[in-house]
Amino acid sequence: MICLSMLTAATIPQLSFAWGADGHQTVGAIADTLLTGTKAGAQVKKLLDDNTLEKMSVWADCVKGISPEKDFAYTSTGRYPECAPFETANGIAAMADYVKRNSDDCHPAASEETCHKQYHYADVSLQHTHYQTGYVGTSDHDVVHAIRAAAMVLQDKPAPAPFNFKNKGEALALITHYIGDIHQPLHVASVFLDANGQIINPDDVAHNQNNNTVGGNALQCPCGNFHALWDDVPMLFKRGRMNATLSKKARTLALTKAPIDQLPVVWADDAIADARLIFAGTQFSKSTQNQFGNNWSIGLPLEYEKTMQNVKEDALARAGAHLAQILQAIWPE
């Protein structure tokens, strides 16, 4: 078992960007390309004041710089270049307003994150092959439901509680980000381990909070945090280097046809399948404890670098295609 030396710098980003900013912007850029000349593309320009999905794709993570415990002040000024466009007086006020509306209506437990941060993920057991509301790690405000809520607002329908999206522009920025999130396998699926490091299904056996590896956040290898390893995108994809190639690939994908409210479930199922692939051949051993409870070491099989690059490339292309798909379903020709 190995852990790749080239990945030793991986750490958890403070704002926990799925794919990192480069990945989210890549997803937005692919969709921008696919929507060029369409009715949906025109609606995007109108709602975003001529901004692009690429630019707005990171907004839902930039708002994590708002600190409810500090009277909703913005505490990340200058830390993240991709957030700079939103760090004006009006931009910060808009982020604070969003967080105030989406802070505690989901009634988070003492150990849980504020509501809007929970909109970005689910923790479905790896033992399942299908997303289903009611499983351990799902909720009425997880990433599947967040995409549904944003799509409803874009269709002139009210968002269900606990979501509170101000308008279509805000909903569009959010759905752009959440669709990036749902294609990162560890933002949908999680491994649950017993005391011996064996994978369990928490929906079938007794479990506690410490059994959940929290989408890989409680897994460590010599290359760092396992979730962060998957949040990062390969260097060749960064800063738009592969957008044209990925857009070309996205155009060739056979997209599953389903009602708008069912598309996020289809995509969650794909993410679970990807997660089962990325955990194939891994092994777990007990390590120290961290903020997530029990902490585990994970050993990775040979040629894991190739597995990561292939899964990430496919997932980014699918995410861009799916973002364009749902927006064209909302605003058909």
C-alpha atoms as a PDB file:
ATOM      1  CA  MET A   1       0.000   0.000   0.000  1.00  0.00           C
ATOM      2  CA  ILE A   2       1.319   3.464  -0.825  1.00  0.00           C
ATOM      3  CA  CYS A   3       0.456   7.084  -0.476  1.00  0.00           C
ATOM      4  CA  LEU A   4       1.721   9.230  -3.282  1.00  0.00           C
ATOM      5  CA  SER A   5       4.622  11.529  -2.433  1.00  0.00           C
ATOM      6  CA  MET A   6       3.390  14.102  -4.959  1.00  0.00           C
ATOM      7  CA  LEU A   7       0.333  14.655  -2.766  1.00  0.00           C
ATOM      8  CA  THR A   8       2.050  15.357   0.523  1.00  0.00           C
ATOM      9  CA  ALA A   9       0.959  18.982   0.537  1.00  0.00           C
ATOM     10  CA  ALA A  10      -2.760  18.177   0.712  1.00  0.00           C
ATOM     11  CA  THR A  11      -4.495  19.781   3.660  1.00  0.00           C
ATOM     12  CA  ILE A  12      -8.057  20.736   4.549  1.00  0.00           C
ATOM     13  CA  PRO A  13      -8.878  24.162   3.088  1.00  0.00           C
ATOM     14  CA  GLN A  14     -10.442  26.393   5.696  1.00  0.00           C
ATOM     15  CA  LEU A  15     -13.496  26.979   3.515  1.00  0.00           C
ATOM     16  CA  SER A  16     -13.597  23.304   2.457  1.00  0.00           C
ATOM     17  CA  PHE A  17     -14.015  23.840  -1.276  1.00  0.00           C
ATOM     18  CA  ALA A  18     -15.124  20.621  -2.979  1.00  0.00           C
ATOM     19  CA  TRP A  19     -12.721  20.298  -5.924  1.00  0.00           C
ATOM     20  CA  GLY A  20     -11.052  23.505  -4.788  1.00  0.00           C
ATOM     21  CA  ALA A  21     -11.858  26.779  -6.504  1.00  0.00           C
ATOM     22  CA  ASP A  22     -10.235  25.522  -9.715  1.00  0.00           C
ATOM     23  CA  GLY A  23     -12.579  22.565  -9.866  1.00  0.00           C
ATOM     24  CA  HIS A  24     -15.752  24.538  -9.201  1.00  0.00           C
ATOM     25  CA  GLN A  25     -14.744  27.164 -11.734  1.00  0.00           C
ATOM     26  CA  THR A  26     -14.049  24.411 -14.259  1.00  0.00           C
ATOM     27  CA  VAL A  27     -17.565  23.036 -13.782  1.00  0.00           C
ATOM     28  CA  GLY A  28     -19.031  26.511 -14.282  1.00  0.00           C
ATOM     29  CA  ALA A  29     -16.851  27.159 -17.324  1.00  0.00           C
ATOM     30  CA  ILE A  30     -17.950  23.905 -18.982  1.00  0.00           C
ATOM     31  CA  ALA A  31     -21.597  24.825 -18.472  1.00  0.00           C
ATOM     32  CA  ASP A  32     -20.977  28.367 -19.764  1.00  0.00           C
ATOM     33  CA  THR A  33     -19.602  26.851 -22.977  1.00  0.00           C
ATOM     34  CA  LEU A  34     -22.430  24.357 -23.390  1.00  0.00           C
ATOM     35  CA  LEU A  35     -25.079  27.042 -22.842  1.00  0.00           C
ATOM     36  CA  THR A  36     -23.665  29.507 -25.374  1.00  0.00           C
ATOM     37  CA  GLY A  37     -26.421  30.629 -27.731  1.00  0.00           C
ATOM     38  CA  THR A  38     -29.231  28.961 -25.787  1.00  0.00           C
ATOM     39  CA  LYS A  39     -32.239  30.403 -23.979  1.00  0.00           C
ATOM     40  CA  ALA A  40     -30.808  29.098 -20.711  1.00  0.00           C
ATOM     41  CA  GLY A  41     -27.519  30.860 -21.423  1.00  0.00           C
ATOM     42  CA  ALA A  42     -29.379  34.130 -21.945  1.00  0.00           C
ATOM     43  CA  GLN A  43     -31.221  33.648 -18.650  1.00  0.00           C
ATOM     44  CA  VAL A  44     -27.909  33.028 -16.874  1.00  0.00           C
ATOM     45  CA  LYS A  45     -26.485  36.324 -18.169  1.00  0.00           C
ATOM     46  CA  LYS A  46     -29.630  38.178 -17.133  1.00  0.00           C
ATOM     47  CA  LEU A  47     -29.760  36.751 -13.617  1.00  0.00           C
ATOM     48  CA  LEU A  48     -26.043  37.138 -12.967  1.00  0.00           C
ATOM     49  CA  ASP A  49     -25.758  40.678 -14.386  1.00  0.00           C
ATOM     50  CA  ASP A  50     -23.519  39.423 -17.195  1.00  0.00           C
ATOM     51  CA  ASN A  51     -21.331  37.475 -14.771  1.00  0.00           C
ATOM     52  CA  THR A  52     -20.536  33.866 -15.649  1.00  0.00           C
ATOM     53  CA  LEU A  53     -21.286  30.576 -13.955  1.00  0.00           C
ATOM     54  CA  GLU A  54     -17.514  30.140 -13.762  1.00  0.00           C
ATOM     55  CA  LYS A  55     -17.139  33.277 -11.645  1.00  0.00           C
ATOM     56  CA  MET A  56     -20.193  32.624  -9.449  1.00  0.00           C
ATOM     57  CA  SER A  57     -19.405  28.925  -8.902  1.00  0.00           C
ATOM     58  CA  VAL A  58     -17.400  29.651  -5.723  1.00  0.00           C
ATOM     59  CA  TRP A  59     -19.854  32.058  -4.067  1.00  0.00           C
ATOM     60  CA  ALA A  60     -21.483  29.386  -1.885  1.00  0.00           C
ATOM     61  CA  ASP A  61     -18.087  28.630  -0.347  1.00  0.00           C
ATOM     62  CA  CYS A  62     -16.992  32.256  -0.073  1.00  0.00           C
ATOM     63  CA  VAL A  63     -19.995  32.885   2.188  1.00  0.00           C
ATOM     64  CA  LYS A  64     -18.388  30.521   4.703  1.00  0.00           C
ATOM     65  CA  GLY A  65     -16.177  33.483   5.558  1.00  0.00           C
ATOM     66  CA  ILE A  66     -19.170  35.025   7.331  1.00  0.00           C
ATOM     67  CA  SER A  67     -18.962  34.262  11.060  1.00  0.00           C
ATOM     68  CA  PRO A  68     -22.308  34.112  12.905  1.00  0.00           C
ATOM     69  CA  GLU A  69     -20.427  34.036  16.204  1.00  0.00           C
ATOM     70  CA  LYS A  70     -18.851  37.396  15.309  1.00  0.00           C
ATOM     71  CA  ASP A  71     -22.134  39.156  14.536  1.00  0.00           C
ATOM     72  CA  PHE A  72     -22.033  37.875  10.941  1.00  0.00           C
ATOM     73  CA  ALA A  73     -18.811  39.696  10.127  1.00  0.00           C
ATOM     74  CA  TYR A  74     -16.773  38.615   7.116  1.00  0.00           C
ATOM     75  CA  THR A  75     -13.454  37.246   8.380  1.00  0.00           C
ATOM     76  CA  SER A  76     -11.732  36.013   5.206  1.00  0.00           C
ATOM     77  CA  THR A  77     -10.868  39.232   3.375  1.00  0.00           C
ATOM     78  CA  GLY A  78      -7.853  38.724   1.138  1.00  0.00           C
ATOM     79  CA  ARG A  79      -7.389  35.020   1.893  1.00  0.00           C
ATOM     80  CA  TYR A  80      -8.920  33.549  -1.246  1.00  0.00           C
ATOM     81  CA  PRO A  81      -8.358  35.270  -4.616  1.00  0.00           C
ATOM     82  CA  GLU A  82     -11.481  33.687  -6.087  1.00  0.00           C
ATOM     83  CA  CYS A  83     -13.593  35.427  -3.416  1.00  0.00           C
ATOM     84  CA  ALA A  84     -12.164  38.892  -4.088  1.00  0.00           C
ATOM     85  CA  PRO A  85     -14.984  39.929  -6.476  1.00  0.00           C
ATOM     86  CA  PHE A  86     -17.472  39.481  -3.623  1.00  0.00           C
ATOM     87  CA  GLU A  87     -15.437  41.372  -1.000  1.00  0.00           C
ATOM     88  CA  THR A  88     -16.984  44.776  -1.658  1.00  0.00           C
ATOM     89  CA  ALA A  89     -19.270  46.439   0.891  1.00  0.00           C
ATOM     90  CA  ASN A  90     -22.356  45.354  -1.048  1.00  0.00           C
ATOM     91  CA  GLY A  91     -20.946  41.914  -1.709  1.00  0.00           C
ATOM     92  CA  ILE A  92     -20.169  41.266   1.948  1.00  0.00           C
ATOM     93  CA  ALA A  93     -23.612  42.531   2.938  1.00  0.00           C
ATOM     94  CA  ALA A  94     -25.180  40.074   0.481  1.00  0.00           C
ATOM     95  CA  MET A  95     -23.136  37.168   1.870  1.00  0.00           C
ATOM     96  CA  ALA A  96     -24.026  38.084   5.456  1.00  0.00           C
ATOM     97  CA  ASP A  97     -27.701  38.349   4.535  1.00  0.00           C
ATOM     98  CA  TYR A  98     -27.637  34.870   2.990  1.00  0.00           C
ATOM     99  CA  VAL A  99     -25.965  33.326   6.032  1.00  0.00           C
ATOM    100  CA  LYS A 100     -28.434  34.997   8.404  1.00  0.00           C
ATOM    101  CA  ARG A 101     -31.314  33.482   6.425  1.00  0.00           C
ATOM    102  CA  ASN A 102     -29.711  30.028   6.321  1.00  0.00           C
ATOM    103  CA  SER A 103     -27.950  29.727   9.646  1.00  0.00           C
ATOM    104  CA  ASP A 104     -30.103  27.780  12.101  1.00  0.00           C
ATOM    105  CA  ASP A 105     -33.558  26.977  10.667  1.00  0.00           C
ATOM    106  CA  CYS A 106     -32.461  23.356  10.187  1.00  0.00           C
ATOM    107  CA  HIS A 107     -31.987  23.218  13.992  1.00  0.00           C
ATOM    108  CA  PRO A 108     -28.395  21.935  13.960  1.00  0.00           C
ATOM    109  CA  ALA A 109     -27.274  19.866  16.908  1.00  0.00           C
ATOM    110  CA  ALA A 110     -24.423  21.151  19.053  1.00  0.00           C
ATOM    111  CA  SER A 111     -21.959  18.980  17.104  1.00  0.00           C
ATOM    112  CA  GLU A 112     -23.251  20.007  13.676  1.00  0.00           C
ATOM    113  CA  GLU A 113     -22.278  22.823  11.328  1.00  0.00           C
ATOM    114  CA  THR A 114     -24.486  25.815  10.652  1.00  0.00           C
ATOM    115  CA  CYS A 115     -27.271  24.978   8.195  1.00  0.00           C
ATOM    116  CA  HIS A 116     -25.897  26.478   4.986  1.00  0.00           C
ATOM    117  CA  LYS A 117     -22.674  24.520   5.390  1.00  0.00           C
ATOM    118  CA  GLN A 118     -24.704  21.310   5.619  1.00  0.00           C
ATOM    119  CA  TYR A 119     -26.296  22.081   2.251  1.00  0.00           C
ATOM    120  CA  HIS A 120     -23.054  21.001   0.542  1.00  0.00           C
ATOM    121  CA  TYR A 121     -22.955  17.287   1.312  1.00  0.00           C
ATOM    122  CA  ALA A 122     -24.500  14.033   2.470  1.00  0.00           C
ATOM    123  CA  ASP A 123     -22.832  11.084   4.217  1.00  0.00           C
ATOM    124  CA  VAL A 124     -24.479   7.991   2.705  1.00  0.00           C
ATOM    125  CA  SER A 125     -22.897   4.725   3.803  1.00  0.00           C
ATOM    126  CA  LEU A 126     -20.615   3.162   1.209  1.00  0.00           C
ATOM    127  CA  GLN A 127     -22.608  -0.058   1.659  1.00  0.00           C
ATOM    128  CA  HIS A 128     -25.486   1.468  -0.275  1.00  0.00           C
ATOM    129  CA  THR A 129     -25.635   1.797  -4.049  1.00  0.00           C
ATOM    130  CA  HIS A 130     -28.517   4.273  -4.089  1.00  0.00           C
ATOM    131  CA  TYR A 131     -29.259   7.573  -2.368  1.00  0.00           C
ATOM    132  CA  GLN A 132     -32.438   7.479  -0.298  1.00  0.00           C
ATOM    133  CA  THR A 133     -33.761  10.106   2.086  1.00  0.00           C
ATOM    134  CA  GLY A 134     -33.890   8.600   5.554  1.00  0.00           C
ATOM    135  CA  TYR A 135     -30.567   6.805   5.395  1.00  0.00           C
ATOM    136  CA  VAL A 136     -28.029   7.744   8.038  1.00  0.00           C
ATOM    137  CA  GLY A 137     -26.111  10.725   6.672  1.00  0.00           C
ATOM    138  CA  THR A 138     -29.027  12.180   4.702  1.00  0.00           C
ATOM    139  CA  SER A 139     -31.357  14.991   5.724  1.00  0.00           C
ATOM    140  CA  ASP A 140     -33.981  17.329   4.323  1.00  0.00           C
ATOM    141  CA  HIS A 141     -31.211  19.895   3.858  1.00  0.00           C
ATOM    142  CA  ASP A 142     -28.384  17.845   2.356  1.00  0.00           C
ATOM    143  CA  VAL A 143     -26.888  18.464  -1.086  1.00  0.00           C
ATOM    144  CA  VAL A 144     -29.611  16.538  -2.937  1.00  0.00           C
ATOM    145  CA  HIS A 145     -32.335  18.640  -1.329  1.00  0.00           C
ATOM    146  CA  ALA A 146     -30.285  21.832  -1.750  1.00  0.00           C
ATOM    147  CA  ILE A 147     -30.140  21.338  -5.520  1.00  0.00           C
ATOM    148  CA  ARG A 148     -33.867  20.637  -5.586  1.00  0.00           C
ATOM    149  CA  ALA A 149     -34.597  23.779  -3.558  1.00  0.00           C
ATOM    150  CA  ALA A 150     -32.482  26.007  -5.808  1.00  0.00           C
ATOM    151  CA  ALA A 151     -34.115  24.510  -8.918  1.00  0.00           C
ATOM    152  CA  MET A 152     -37.553  25.221  -7.466  1.00  0.00           C
ATOM    153  CA  VAL A 153     -36.704  28.895  -6.993  1.00  0.00           C
ATOM    154  CA  LEU A 154     -35.466  29.055 -10.586  1.00  0.00           C
ATOM    155  CA  GLN A 155     -38.861  27.635 -11.614  1.00  0.00           C
ATOM    156  CA  ASP A 156     -40.723  30.401  -9.747  1.00  0.00           C
ATOM    157  CA  LYS A 157     -41.631  28.093  -6.871  1.00  0.00           C
ATOM    158  CA  PRO A 158     -40.922  28.685  -3.169  1.00  0.00           C
ATOM    159  CA  ALA A 159     -38.008  26.810  -1.654  1.00  0.00           C
ATOM    160  CA  PRO A 160     -39.009  24.316   1.053  1.00  0.00           C
ATOM    161  CA  ALA A 161     -37.808  24.851   4.618  1.00  0.00           C
ATOM    162  CA  PRO A 162     -35.164  25.200   5.887  1.00  0.00           C
ATOM    163  CA  PHE A 163     -33.847  26.764   2.668  1.00  0.00           C
ATOM    164  CA  ASN A 164     -34.277  30.510   2.287  1.00  0.00           C
ATOM    165  CA  PHE A 165     -33.017  31.703  -1.091  1.00  0.00           C
ATOM    166  CA  LYS A 166     -33.680  35.380  -1.750  1.00  0.00           C
ATOM    167  CA  ASN A 167     -34.088  35.348  -5.521  1.00  0.00           C
ATOM    168  CA  LYS A 168     -33.241  33.563  -8.740  1.00  0.00           C
ATOM    169  CA  GLY A 169     -29.779  35.088  -8.963  1.00  0.00           C
ATOM    170  CA  GLU A 170     -28.842  33.716  -5.566  1.00  0.00           C
ATOM    171  CA  ALA A 171     -30.413  30.345  -6.386  1.00  0.00           C
ATOM    172  CA  LEU A 172     -28.441  30.168  -9.649  1.00  0.00           C
ATOM    173  CA  ALA A 173     -25.124  30.821  -7.898  1.00  0.00           C
ATOM    174  CA  LEU A 174     -26.000  28.161  -5.332  1.00  0.00           C
ATOM    175  CA  ILE A 175     -27.133  25.445  -7.744  1.00  0.00           C
ATOM    176  CA  THR A 176     -23.955  25.989  -9.760  1.00  0.00           C
ATOM    177  CA  HIS A 177     -21.881  25.261  -6.689  1.00  0.00           C
ATOM    178  CA  TYR A 178     -23.987  22.404  -5.324  1.00  0.00           C
ATOM    179  CA  ILE A 179     -23.853  20.538  -8.626  1.00  0.00           C
ATOM    180  CA  GLY A 180     -20.075  20.741  -8.392  1.00  0.00           C
ATOM    181  CA  ASP A 181     -20.294  19.404  -4.838  1.00  0.00           C
ATOM    182  CA  ILE A 182     -22.535  16.441  -5.657  1.00  0.00           C
ATOM    183  CA  HIS A 183     -20.039  15.205  -8.233  1.00  0.00           C
ATOM    184  CA  GLN A 184     -17.229  15.030  -5.675  1.00  0.00           C
ATOM    185  CA  PRO A 185     -17.714  11.449  -4.405  1.00  0.00           C
ATOM    186  CA  LEU A 186     -16.872  12.253  -0.787  1.00  0.00           C
ATOM    187  CA  HIS A 187     -19.535  14.969  -0.692  1.00  0.00           C
ATOM    188  CA  VAL A 188     -22.158  12.229  -1.047  1.00  0.00           C
ATOM    189  CA  ALA A 189     -20.736   8.994   0.344  1.00  0.00           C
ATOM    190  CA  SER A 190     -18.852   8.121   3.517  1.00  0.00           C
ATOM    191  CA  VAL A 191     -17.237   5.093   5.093  1.00  0.00           C
ATOM    192  CA  PHE A 192     -18.464   3.958   8.506  1.00  0.00           C
ATOM    193  CA  LEU A 193     -15.997   1.805  10.466  1.00  0.00           C
ATOM    194  CA  ASP A 194     -16.362  -0.414  13.506  1.00  0.00           C
ATOM    195  CA  ALA A 195     -13.762  -0.595  16.288  1.00  0.00           C
ATOM    196  CA  ASN A 196     -11.683  -3.039  14.212  1.00  0.00           C
ATOM    197  CA  GLY A 197     -11.590  -0.886  11.110  1.00  0.00           C
ATOM    198  CA  GLN A 198     -14.148  -2.970   9.247  1.00  0.00           C
ATOM    199  CA  ILE A 199     -16.691  -1.196   7.057  1.00  0.00           C
ATOM    200  CA  ILE A 200     -20.215  -1.302   8.475  1.00  0.00           C
ATOM    201  CA  ASN A 201     -23.621  -0.155   7.291  1.00  0.00           C
ATOM    202  CA  PRO A 202     -25.020   2.184   9.984  1.00  0.00           C
ATOM    203  CA  ASP A 203     -28.523   1.568   8.662  1.00  0.00           C
ATOM    204  CA  ASP A 204     -28.211  -2.122   9.595  1.00  0.00           C
ATOM    205  CA  VAL A 205     -26.144  -2.171  12.796  1.00  0.00           C
ATOM    206  CA  ALA A 206     -25.788  -0.098  15.949  1.00  0.00           C
ATOM    207  CA  HIS A 207     -23.433   2.808  15.471  1.00  0.00           C
ATOM    208  CA  ASN A 208     -22.389   6.118  16.935  1.00  0.00           C
ATOM    209  CA  GLN A 209     -20.998   9.369  15.635  1.00  0.00           C
ATOM    210  CA  ASN A 210     -17.427   8.107  15.776  1.00  0.00           C
ATOM    211  CA  ASN A 211     -18.168   5.353  13.241  1.00  0.00           C
ATOM    212  CA  ASN A 212     -18.553   7.945  10.476  1.00  0.00           C
ATOM    213  CA  THR A 213     -15.345   8.992   8.742  1.00  0.00           C
ATOM    214  CA  VAL A 214     -17.237  12.142   7.675  1.00  0.00           C
ATOM    215  CA  GLY A 215     -16.728  11.928   3.939  1.00  0.00           C
ATOM    216  CA  GLY A 216     -13.087  10.999   4.431  1.00  0.00           C
ATOM    217  CA  ASN A 217     -12.317  13.943   6.735  1.00  0.00           C
ATOM    218  CA  ALA A 218     -11.424  11.508   9.539  1.00  0.00           C
ATOM    219  CA  LEU A 219      -9.097   9.500   7.305  1.00  0.00           C
ATOM    220  CA  GLN A 220      -5.382  10.250   7.156  1.00  0.00           C
ATOM    221  CA  CYS A 221      -2.623   8.925   4.922  1.00  0.00           C
ATOM    222  CA  PRO A 222       1.000  10.087   4.582  1.00  0.00           C
ATOM    223  CA  CYS A 223      -0.225  12.486   1.876  1.00  0.00           C
ATOM    224  CA  GLY A 224      -2.512  14.254   4.354  1.00  0.00           C
ATOM    225  CA  ASN A 225      -6.268  14.353   4.781  1.00  0.00           C
ATOM    226  CA  PHE A 226      -8.148  11.964   2.477  1.00  0.00           C
ATOM    227  CA  HIS A 227     -11.086  14.297   1.839  1.00  0.00           C
ATOM    228  CA  ALA A 228      -8.740  17.143   0.933  1.00  0.00           C
ATOM    229  CA  LEU A 229      -6.913  14.792  -1.411  1.00  0.00           C
ATOM    230  CA  TRP A 230     -10.146  14.415  -3.358  1.00  0.00           C
ATOM    231  CA  ASP A 231     -11.121  18.088  -3.129  1.00  0.00           C
ATOM    232  CA  ASP A 232      -7.974  18.958  -5.056  1.00  0.00           C
ATOM    233  CA  VAL A 233      -7.907  18.693  -8.843  1.00  0.00           C
ATOM    234  CA  PRO A 234      -4.899  17.546 -10.880  1.00  0.00           C
ATOM    235  CA  MET A 235      -2.517  20.308 -11.894  1.00  0.00           C
ATOM    236  CA  LEU A 236      -3.314  19.897 -15.595  1.00  0.00           C
ATOM    237  CA  PHE A 237      -6.952  20.867 -14.879  1.00  0.00           C
ATOM    238  CA  LYS A 238      -6.118  23.973 -12.863  1.00  0.00           C
ATOM    239  CA  ARG A 239      -6.630  27.574 -13.908  1.00  0.00           C
ATOM    240  CA  GLY A 240      -8.689  26.629 -16.927  1.00  0.00           C
ATOM    241  CA  ARG A 241      -5.987  24.600 -18.668  1.00  0.00           C
ATOM    242  CA  MET A 242      -8.323  21.757 -19.641  1.00  0.00           C
ATOM    243  CA  ASN A 243     -11.665  23.553 -19.947  1.00  0.00           C
ATOM    244  CA  ALA A 244     -11.842  23.111 -23.733  1.00  0.00           C
ATOM    245  CA  THR A 245     -10.978  19.419 -23.523  1.00  0.00           C
ATOM    246  CA  LEU A 246     -13.440  18.790 -20.712  1.00  0.00           C
ATOM    247  CA  SER A 247     -16.164  20.774 -22.492  1.00  0.00           C
ATOM    248  CA  LYS A 248     -15.647  18.628 -25.593  1.00  0.00           C
ATOM    249  CA  LYS A 249     -15.938  15.516 -23.447  1.00  0.00           C
ATOM    250  CA  ALA A 250     -19.056  16.881 -21.729  1.00  0.00           C
ATOM    251  CA  ARG A 251     -20.774  17.298 -25.104  1.00  0.00           C
ATOM    252  CA  THR A 252     -20.347  13.581 -25.830  1.00  0.00           C
ATOM    253  CA  LEU A 253     -21.912  12.307 -22.606  1.00  0.00           C
ATOM    254  CA  ALA A 254     -25.194  10.403 -22.693  1.00  0.00           C
ATOM    255  CA  LEU A 255     -27.279  12.197 -20.074  1.00  0.00           C
ATOM    256  CA  THR A 256     -29.933  10.409 -18.049  1.00  0.00           C
ATOM    257  CA  LYS A 257     -33.365  11.877 -18.651  1.00  0.00           C
ATOM    258  CA  ALA A 258     -35.447  12.343 -15.526  1.00  0.00           C
ATOM    259  CA  PRO A 259     -37.777  14.924 -13.941  1.00  0.00           C
ATOM    260  CA  ILE A 260     -35.866  17.917 -12.597  1.00  0.00           C
ATOM    261  CA  ASP A 261     -36.463  16.945  -8.967  1.00  0.00           C
ATOM    262  CA  GLN A 262     -35.048  13.454  -9.586  1.00  0.00           C
ATOM    263  CA  LEU A 263     -31.859  14.510 -11.355  1.00  0.00           C
ATOM    264  CA  PRO A 264     -29.976  15.161  -8.073  1.00  0.00           C
ATOM    265  CA  VAL A 265     -30.755  11.588  -6.955  1.00  0.00           C
ATOM    266  CA  VAL A 266     -29.385  10.213 -10.227  1.00  0.00           C
ATOM    267  CA  TRP A 267     -26.215  12.246  -9.740  1.00  0.00           C
ATOM    268  CA  ALA A 268     -25.909  11.190  -6.093  1.00  0.00           C
ATOM    269  CA  ASP A 269     -26.102   7.555  -7.190  1.00  0.00           C
ATOM    270  CA  ASP A 270     -23.256   8.213  -9.643  1.00  0.00           C
ATOM    271  CA  ALA A 271     -21.207   9.759  -6.835  1.00  0.00           C
ATOM    272  CA  ILE A 272     -21.801   6.727  -4.614  1.00  0.00           C
ATOM    273  CA  ALA A 273     -20.600   4.480  -7.457  1.00  0.00           C
ATOM    274  CA  ASP A 274     -17.490   6.651  -7.787  1.00  0.00           C
ATOM    275  CA  ALA A 275     -16.937   6.454  -4.024  1.00  0.00           C
ATOM    276  CA  ARG A 276     -17.093   2.659  -4.089  1.00  0.00           C
ATOM    277  CA  LEU A 277     -14.434   2.770  -6.809  1.00  0.00           C
ATOM    278  CA  ILE A 278     -12.111   5.129  -4.940  1.00  0.00           C
ATOM    279  CA  PHE A 279     -12.277   3.014  -1.786  1.00  0.00           C
ATOM    280  CA  ALA A 280     -11.599  -0.257  -3.652  1.00  0.00           C
ATOM    281  CA  GLY A 281      -8.412  -1.869  -2.350  1.00  0.00           C
ATOM    282  CA  THR A 282      -7.980   0.545   0.565  1.00  0.00           C
ATOM    283  CA  GLN A 283      -7.290  -0.578   4.119  1.00  0.00           C
ATOM    284  CA  PHE A 284      -7.942   1.113   7.452  1.00  0.00           C
ATOM    285  CA  SER A 285      -6.078   1.163  10.745  1.00  0.00           C
ATOM    286  CA  LYS A 286      -6.652   3.066  13.975  1.00  0.00           C
ATOM    287  CA  SER A 287      -4.828   6.361  14.371  1.00  0.00           C
ATOM    288  CA  THR A 288      -5.259   9.309  16.738  1.00  0.00           C
ATOM    289  CA  GLN A 289      -8.345  11.367  17.429  1.00  0.00           C
ATOM    290  CA  ASN A 290      -9.205  14.697  15.815  1.00  0.00           C
ATOM    291  CA  GLN A 291     -12.153  17.075  15.659  1.00  0.00           C
ATOM    292  CA  PHE A 292     -14.235  14.443  13.883  1.00  0.00           C
ATOM    293  CA  GLY A 293     -13.864  11.849  16.662  1.00  0.00           C
ATOM    294  CA  ASN A 294     -12.043   8.623  15.969  1.00  0.00           C
ATOM    295  CA  ASN A 295      -9.356   9.149  13.362  1.00  0.00           C
ATOM    296  CA  TRP A 296      -8.193   6.427  11.001  1.00  0.00           C
ATOM    297  CA  SER A 297      -5.262   5.883   8.706  1.00  0.00           C
ATOM    298  CA  ILE A 298      -6.028   4.748   5.167  1.00  0.00           C
ATOM    299  CA  GLY A 299      -3.667   2.816   2.958  1.00  0.00           C
ATOM    300  CA  LEU A 300      -4.024   3.327  -0.785  1.00  0.00           C
ATOM    301  CA  PRO A 301      -3.386   0.699  -3.474  1.00  0.00           C
ATOM    302  CA  LEU A 302      -0.826   0.906  -6.251  1.00  0.00           C
ATOM    303  CA  GLU A 303      -1.605   3.213  -9.188  1.00  0.00           C
ATOM    304  CA  TYR A 304      -4.046   5.219  -7.084  1.00  0.00           C
ATOM    305  CA  GLU A 305      -2.880   8.389  -8.835  1.00  0.00           C
ATOM    306  CA  LYS A 306      -4.331   7.062 -12.096  1.00  0.00           C
ATOM    307  CA  THR A 307      -7.608   6.187 -10.384  1.00  0.00           C
ATOM    308  CA  MET A 308      -7.897   9.703  -8.972  1.00  0.00           C
ATOM    309  CA  GLN A 309      -7.144  11.426 -12.257  1.00  0.00           C
ATOM    310  CA  ASN A 310      -9.631   9.293 -14.205  1.00  0.00           C
ATOM    311  CA  VAL A 311     -12.441   9.660 -11.672  1.00  0.00           C
ATOM    312  CA  LYS A 312     -11.888  13.398 -11.299  1.00  0.00           C
ATOM    313  CA  GLU A 313     -11.754  14.031 -15.033  1.00  0.00           C
ATOM    314  CA  ASP A 314     -14.992  12.110 -15.615  1.00  0.00           C
ATOM    315  CA  ALA A 315     -16.725  13.742 -12.640  1.00  0.00           C
ATOM    316  CA  LEU A 316     -15.801  17.298 -13.662  1.00  0.00           C
ATOM    317  CA  ALA A 317     -17.034  16.737 -17.208  1.00  0.00           C
ATOM    318  CA  ARG A 318     -20.283  15.200 -15.937  1.00  0.00           C
ATOM    319  CA  ALA A 319     -20.801  18.051 -13.488  1.00  0.00           C
ATOM    320  CA  GLY A 320     -20.519  20.676 -16.205  1.00  0.00           C
ATOM    321  CA  ALA A 321     -22.820  18.716 -18.494  1.00  0.00           C
ATOM    322  CA  HIS A 322     -25.357  18.179 -15.728  1.00  0.00           C
ATOM    323  CA  LEU A 323     -25.353  21.834 -14.742  1.00  0.00           C
ATOM    324  CA  ALA A 324     -26.130  22.762 -18.342  1.00  0.00           C
ATOM    325  CA  GLN A 325     -28.729  19.973 -18.495  1.00  0.00           C
ATOM    326  CA  ILE A 326     -30.751  21.143 -15.501  1.00  0.00           C
ATOM    327  CA  LEU A 327     -30.644  24.796 -16.552  1.00  0.00           C
ATOM    328  CA  GLN A 328     -31.846  23.879 -20.037  1.00  0.00           C
ATOM    329  CA  ALA A 329     -34.621  21.790 -18.473  1.00  0.00           C
ATOM    330  CA  ILE A 330     -35.667  24.847 -16.438  1.00  0.00           C
ATOM    331  CA  TRP A 331     -35.418  27.173 -19.468  1.00  0.00           C
ATOM    332  CA  PRO A 332     -36.037  25.007 -22.552  1.00  0.00           C
ATOM    333  CA  GLU A 333     -35.702  26.338 -26.075  1.00  0.00           C
END
